[in-house]
């Protein structure tokens, strides 16, 4: 899944072309009711293994899409 955006670090970004931001969506199994969605963005260092621990906590233990 991807989202279109602009460079939020540039105050004149309105005149900049759009950029594409890749994303992953994890959905809980056997969930038929509405539940909150958690959106998490990593810092400048990228995604590390402990980020997937958060996914497991919210998706598998709490039943929340992540």
Foldseek 3Di string as FASTA:
>chain_A
DKDWDFPPVDPPRVPPDIDIGDDDKDAAPPDDDDDDADDDDDPPVDDDPVVVVVVCCCCVVVRHMD
